[in-house]
PDB file of N, CA and C in Angstrom:
ATOM      1  N   UNK A   1       7.012  -3.950  18.565  1.00  0.00           N
ATOM      2  CA  UNK A   1       6.747  -4.509  17.249  1.00  0.00           C
ATOM      3  C   UNK A   1       6.459  -3.383  16.271  1.00  0.00           C
ATOM      4  N   UNK A   2       7.162  -3.372  15.184  1.00  0.00           N
ATOM      5  CA  UNK A   2       6.946  -2.361  14.167  1.00  0.00           C
ATOM      6  C   UNK A   2       5.852  -2.811  13.208  1.00  0.00           C
ATOM      7  N   UNK A   3       5.267  -1.849  12.540  1.00  0.00           N
ATOM      8  CA  UNK A   3       4.162  -2.125  11.623  1.00  0.00           C
ATOM      9  C   UNK A   3       4.561  -3.094  10.520  1.00  0.00           C
ATOM     10  N   UNK A   4       5.779  -2.984  10.031  1.00  0.00           N
ATOM     11  CA  UNK A   4       6.186  -3.793   8.888  1.00  0.00           C
ATOM     12  C   UNK A   4       7.032  -5.003   9.276  1.00  0.00           C
ATOM     13  N   UNK A   5       7.038  -5.392  10.549  1.00  0.00           N
ATOM     14  CA  UNK A   5       7.734  -6.597  10.990  1.00  0.00           C
ATOM     15  C   UNK A   5       6.811  -7.803  10.899  1.00  0.00           C
ATOM     16  N   UNK A   6       6.185  -7.956   9.773  1.00  0.00           N
ATOM     17  CA  UNK A   6       5.281  -9.082   9.583  1.00  0.00           C
ATOM     18  C   UNK A   6       5.329  -9.519   8.127  1.00  0.00           C
ATOM     19  N   UNK A   7       4.912 -10.730   7.912  1.00  0.00           N
ATOM     20  CA  UNK A   7       4.859 -11.258   6.558  1.00  0.00           C
ATOM     21  C   UNK A   7       3.401 -11.449   6.176  1.00  0.00           C
ATOM     22  N   UNK A   8       3.075 -11.018   4.987  1.00  0.00           N
ATOM     23  CA  UNK A   8       1.728 -11.211   4.478  1.00  0.00           C
ATOM     24  C   UNK A   8       1.677 -12.531   3.727  1.00  0.00           C
ATOM     25  N   UNK A   9       0.560 -13.180   3.781  1.00  0.00           N
ATOM     26  CA  UNK A   9       0.384 -14.446   3.077  1.00  0.00           C
ATOM     27  C   UNK A   9      -0.883 -14.380   2.237  1.00  0.00           C
ATOM     28  N   UNK A  10      -0.825 -14.978   1.093  1.00  0.00           N
ATOM     29  CA  UNK A  10      -2.014 -15.098   0.251  1.00  0.00           C
ATOM     30  C   UNK A  10      -2.851 -16.231   0.838  1.00  0.00           C
ATOM     31  N   UNK A  11      -4.066 -15.918   1.192  1.00  0.00           N
ATOM     32  CA  UNK A  11      -4.923 -16.907   1.843  1.00  0.00           C
ATOM     33  C   UNK A  11      -5.667 -17.785   0.853  1.00  0.00           C
ATOM     34  N   UNK A  12      -5.913 -17.249  -0.328  1.00  0.00           N
ATOM     35  CA  UNK A  12      -6.708 -17.989  -1.312  1.00  0.00           C
ATOM     36  C   UNK A  12      -5.940 -19.173  -1.877  1.00  0.00           C
ATOM     37  N   UNK A  13      -6.673 -20.193  -2.234  1.00  0.00           N
ATOM     38  CA  UNK A  13      -6.081 -21.384  -2.837  1.00  0.00           C
ATOM     39  C   UNK A  13      -6.349 -21.445  -4.341  1.00  0.00           C
ATOM     40  N   UNK A  14      -7.419 -20.806  -4.773  1.00  0.00           N
ATOM     41  CA  UNK A  14      -7.789 -20.814  -6.186  1.00  0.00           C
ATOM     42  C   UNK A  14      -7.160 -19.617  -6.905  1.00  0.00           C
ATOM     43  N   UNK A  15      -6.923 -19.770  -8.201  1.00  0.00           N
ATOM     44  CA  UNK A  15      -6.289 -18.712  -8.992  1.00  0.00           C
ATOM     45  C   UNK A  15      -7.065 -17.394  -8.925  1.00  0.00           C
ATOM     46  N   UNK A  16      -8.381 -17.472  -9.062  1.00  0.00           N
ATOM     47  CA  UNK A  16      -9.191 -16.252  -9.051  1.00  0.00           C
ATOM     48  C   UNK A  16      -9.078 -15.522  -7.719  1.00  0.00           C
ATOM     49  N   UNK A  17      -9.042 -16.274  -6.639  1.00  0.00           N
ATOM     50  CA  UNK A  17      -8.905 -15.664  -5.321  1.00  0.00           C
ATOM     51  C   UNK A  17      -7.552 -15.007  -5.123  1.00  0.00           C
ATOM     52  N   UNK A  18      -6.501 -15.664  -5.625  1.00  0.00           N
ATOM     53  CA  UNK A  18      -5.145 -15.107  -5.537  1.00  0.00           C
ATOM     54  C   UNK A  18      -5.078 -13.807  -6.326  1.00  0.00           C
ATOM     55  N   UNK A  19      -5.630 -13.815  -7.540  1.00  0.00           N
ATOM     56  CA  UNK A  19      -5.632 -12.599  -8.362  1.00  0.00           C
ATOM     57  C   UNK A  19      -6.392 -11.480  -7.657  1.00  0.00           C
ATOM     58  N   UNK A  20      -7.533 -11.807  -7.075  1.00  0.00           N
ATOM     59  CA  UNK A  20      -8.333 -10.802  -6.380  1.00  0.00           C
ATOM     60  C   UNK A  20      -7.564 -10.210  -5.200  1.00  0.00           C
ATOM     61  N   UNK A  21      -6.882 -11.058  -4.430  1.00  0.00           N
ATOM     62  CA  UNK A  21      -6.097 -10.565  -3.299  1.00  0.00           C
ATOM     63  C   UNK A  21      -4.946  -9.671  -3.765  1.00  0.00           C
ATOM     64  N   UNK A  22      -4.262 -10.081  -4.821  1.00  0.00           N
ATOM     65  CA  UNK A  22      -3.148  -9.269  -5.333  1.00  0.00           C
ATOM     66  C   UNK A  22      -3.643  -7.912  -5.829  1.00  0.00           C
ATOM     67  N   UNK A  23      -4.720  -7.907  -6.600  1.00  0.00           N
ATOM     68  CA  UNK A  23      -5.268  -6.635  -7.087  1.00  0.00           C
ATOM     69  C   UNK A  23      -5.736  -5.764  -5.920  1.00  0.00           C
ATOM     70  N   UNK A  24      -6.331  -6.387  -4.907  1.00  0.00           N
ATOM     71  CA  UNK A  24      -6.770  -5.632  -3.733  1.00  0.00           C
ATOM     72  C   UNK A  24      -5.601  -4.998  -3.007  1.00  0.00           C
ATOM     73  N   UNK A  25      -4.504  -5.751  -2.856  1.00  0.00           N
ATOM     74  CA  UNK A  25      -3.313  -5.210  -2.197  1.00  0.00           C
ATOM     75  C   UNK A  25      -2.701  -4.070  -3.008  1.00  0.00           C
ATOM     76  N   UNK A  26      -2.636  -4.236  -4.321  1.00  0.00           N
ATOM     77  CA  UNK A  26      -2.096  -3.175  -5.172  1.00  0.00           C
ATOM     78  C   UNK A  26      -2.963  -1.922  -5.115  1.00  0.00           C
ATOM     79  N   UNK A  27      -4.258  -2.104  -5.124  1.00  0.00           N
ATOM     80  CA  UNK A  27      -5.174  -0.975  -5.036  1.00  0.00           C
ATOM     81  C   UNK A  27      -5.002  -0.240  -3.717  1.00  0.00           C
ATOM     82  N   UNK A  28      -4.951  -0.978  -2.619  1.00  0.00           N
ATOM     83  CA  UNK A  28      -4.791  -0.358  -1.303  1.00  0.00           C
ATOM     84  C   UNK A  28      -3.473   0.416  -1.223  1.00  0.00           C
ATOM     85  N   UNK A  29      -2.376  -0.185  -1.691  1.00  0.00           N
ATOM     86  CA  UNK A  29      -1.076   0.471  -1.667  1.00  0.00           C
ATOM     87  C   UNK A  29      -1.110   1.775  -2.466  1.00  0.00           C
ATOM     88  N   UNK A  30      -1.691   1.720  -3.659  1.00  0.00           N
ATOM     89  CA  UNK A  30      -1.727   2.917  -4.501  1.00  0.00           C
ATOM     90  C   UNK A  30      -2.639   3.997  -3.934  1.00  0.00           C
ATOM     91  N   UNK A  31      -3.718   3.619  -3.281  1.00  0.00           N
ATOM     92  CA  UNK A  31      -4.580   4.615  -2.638  1.00  0.00           C
ATOM     93  C   UNK A  31      -3.851   5.306  -1.490  1.00  0.00           C
ATOM     94  N   UNK A  32      -3.081   4.549  -0.731  1.00  0.00           N
ATOM     95  CA  UNK A  32      -2.292   5.139   0.359  1.00  0.00           C
ATOM     96  C   UNK A  32      -1.251   6.089  -0.215  1.00  0.00           C
ATOM     97  N   UNK A  33      -0.544   5.670  -1.269  1.00  0.00           N
ATOM     98  CA  UNK A  33       0.475   6.541  -1.876  1.00  0.00           C
ATOM     99  C   UNK A  33      -0.160   7.796  -2.474  1.00  0.00           C
ATOM    100  N   UNK A  34      -1.341   7.683  -3.055  1.00  0.00           N
ATOM    101  CA  UNK A  34      -2.041   8.834  -3.608  1.00  0.00           C
ATOM    102  C   UNK A  34      -2.371   9.835  -2.497  1.00  0.00           C
ATOM    103  N   UNK A  35      -2.851   9.336  -1.377  1.00  0.00           N
ATOM    104  CA  UNK A  35      -3.155  10.212  -0.237  1.00  0.00           C
ATOM    105  C   UNK A  35      -1.886  10.849   0.316  1.00  0.00           C
ATOM    106  N   UNK A  36      -0.797  10.094   0.357  1.00  0.00           N
ATOM    107  CA  UNK A  36       0.474  10.663   0.824  1.00  0.00           C
ATOM    108  C   UNK A  36       0.942  11.782  -0.113  1.00  0.00           C
ATOM    109  N   UNK A  37       0.775  11.610  -1.410  1.00  0.00           N
ATOM    110  CA  UNK A  37       1.155  12.652  -2.372  1.00  0.00           C
ATOM    111  C   UNK A  37       0.274  13.889  -2.199  1.00  0.00           C
ATOM    112  N   UNK A  38      -1.024  13.670  -1.935  1.00  0.00           N
ATOM    113  CA  UNK A  38      -1.937  14.796  -1.727  1.00  0.00           C
ATOM    114  C   UNK A  38      -1.533  15.597  -0.494  1.00  0.00           C
ATOM    115  N   UNK A  39      -1.210  14.906   0.579  1.00  0.00           N
ATOM    116  CA  UNK A  39      -0.798  15.581   1.816  1.00  0.00           C
ATOM    117  C   UNK A  39       0.549  16.273   1.623  1.00  0.00           C
ATOM    118  N   UNK A  40       1.463  15.635   0.902  1.00  0.00           N
ATOM    119  CA  UNK A  40       2.770  16.243   0.635  1.00  0.00           C
ATOM    120  C   UNK A  40       2.596  17.571  -0.099  1.00  0.00           C
ATOM    121  N   UNK A  41       1.657  17.624  -1.022  1.00  0.00           N
ATOM    122  CA  UNK A  41       1.401  18.867  -1.756  1.00  0.00           C
ATOM    123  C   UNK A  41       0.866  19.946  -0.823  1.00  0.00           C
ATOM    124  N   UNK A  42      -0.014  19.557   0.100  1.00  0.00           N
ATOM    125  CA  UNK A  42      -0.589  20.521   1.043  1.00  0.00           C
ATOM    126  C   UNK A  42       0.490  21.125   1.941  1.00  0.00           C
ATOM    127  N   UNK A  43       1.399  20.273   2.440  1.00  0.00           N
ATOM    128  CA  UNK A  43       2.443  20.769   3.348  1.00  0.00           C
ATOM    129  C   UNK A  43       3.704  21.202   2.604  1.00  0.00           C
ATOM    130  N   UNK A  44       3.628  21.183   1.280  1.00  0.00           N
ATOM    131  CA  UNK A  44       4.669  21.691   0.394  1.00  0.00           C
ATOM    132  C   UNK A  44       6.019  20.993   0.585  1.00  0.00           C
ATOM    133  N   UNK A  45       5.983  19.674   0.475  1.00  0.00           N
ATOM    134  CA  UNK A  45       7.214  18.879   0.428  1.00  0.00           C
ATOM    135  C   UNK A  45       7.154  18.026  -0.832  1.00  0.00           C
ATOM    136  N   UNK A  46       8.305  17.491  -1.220  1.00  0.00           N
ATOM    137  CA  UNK A  46       8.346  16.632  -2.402  1.00  0.00           C
ATOM    138  C   UNK A  46       7.485  15.388  -2.177  1.00  0.00           C
ATOM    139  N   UNK A  47       6.764  14.933  -3.189  1.00  0.00           N
ATOM    140  CA  UNK A  47       5.900  13.761  -3.030  1.00  0.00           C
ATOM    141  C   UNK A  47       6.653  12.494  -2.632  1.00  0.00           C
ATOM    142  N   UNK A  48       7.951  12.406  -2.963  1.00  0.00           N
ATOM    143  CA  UNK A  48       8.738  11.223  -2.622  1.00  0.00           C
ATOM    144  C   UNK A  48       9.197  11.246  -1.177  1.00  0.00           C
ATOM    145  N   UNK A  49       9.094  12.385  -0.488  1.00  0.00           N
ATOM    146  CA  UNK A  49       9.614  12.491   0.872  1.00  0.00           C
ATOM    147  C   UNK A  49       8.842  11.657   1.890  1.00  0.00           C
ATOM    148  N   UNK A  50       7.516  11.718   1.931  1.00  0.00           N
ATOM    149  CA  UNK A  50       6.805  10.861   2.884  1.00  0.00           C
ATOM    150  C   UNK A  50       7.040   9.387   2.540  1.00  0.00           C
ATOM    151  N   UNK A  51       7.203   8.564   3.543  1.00  0.00           N
ATOM    152  CA  UNK A  51       7.462   7.155   3.313  1.00  0.00           C
ATOM    153  C   UNK A  51       6.606   6.289   4.205  1.00  0.00           C
ATOM    154  N   UNK A  52       6.383   5.079   3.763  1.00  0.00           N
ATOM    155  CA  UNK A  52       5.629   4.123   4.555  1.00  0.00           C
ATOM    156  C   UNK A  52       6.502   3.458   5.603  1.00  0.00           C
ATOM    157  N   UNK A  53       7.825   3.505   5.446  1.00  0.00           N
ATOM    158  CA  UNK A  53       8.737   2.887   6.398  1.00  0.00           C
ATOM    159  C   UNK A  53       9.939   3.725   6.633  1.00  0.00           C
TER     160      UNK A  53
END
């Protein structure tokens, strides 16, 4: 089983909960990409080279 062979589902039923989950997912994704860019700079490769998949 690969890491990305799954589907994510929004668990919240209320609008505020859905918004909170979406913002949380966007924040997590961007923090991961920021760390990948930081590491890419350390090992001297283009920031677009590391990938999540």
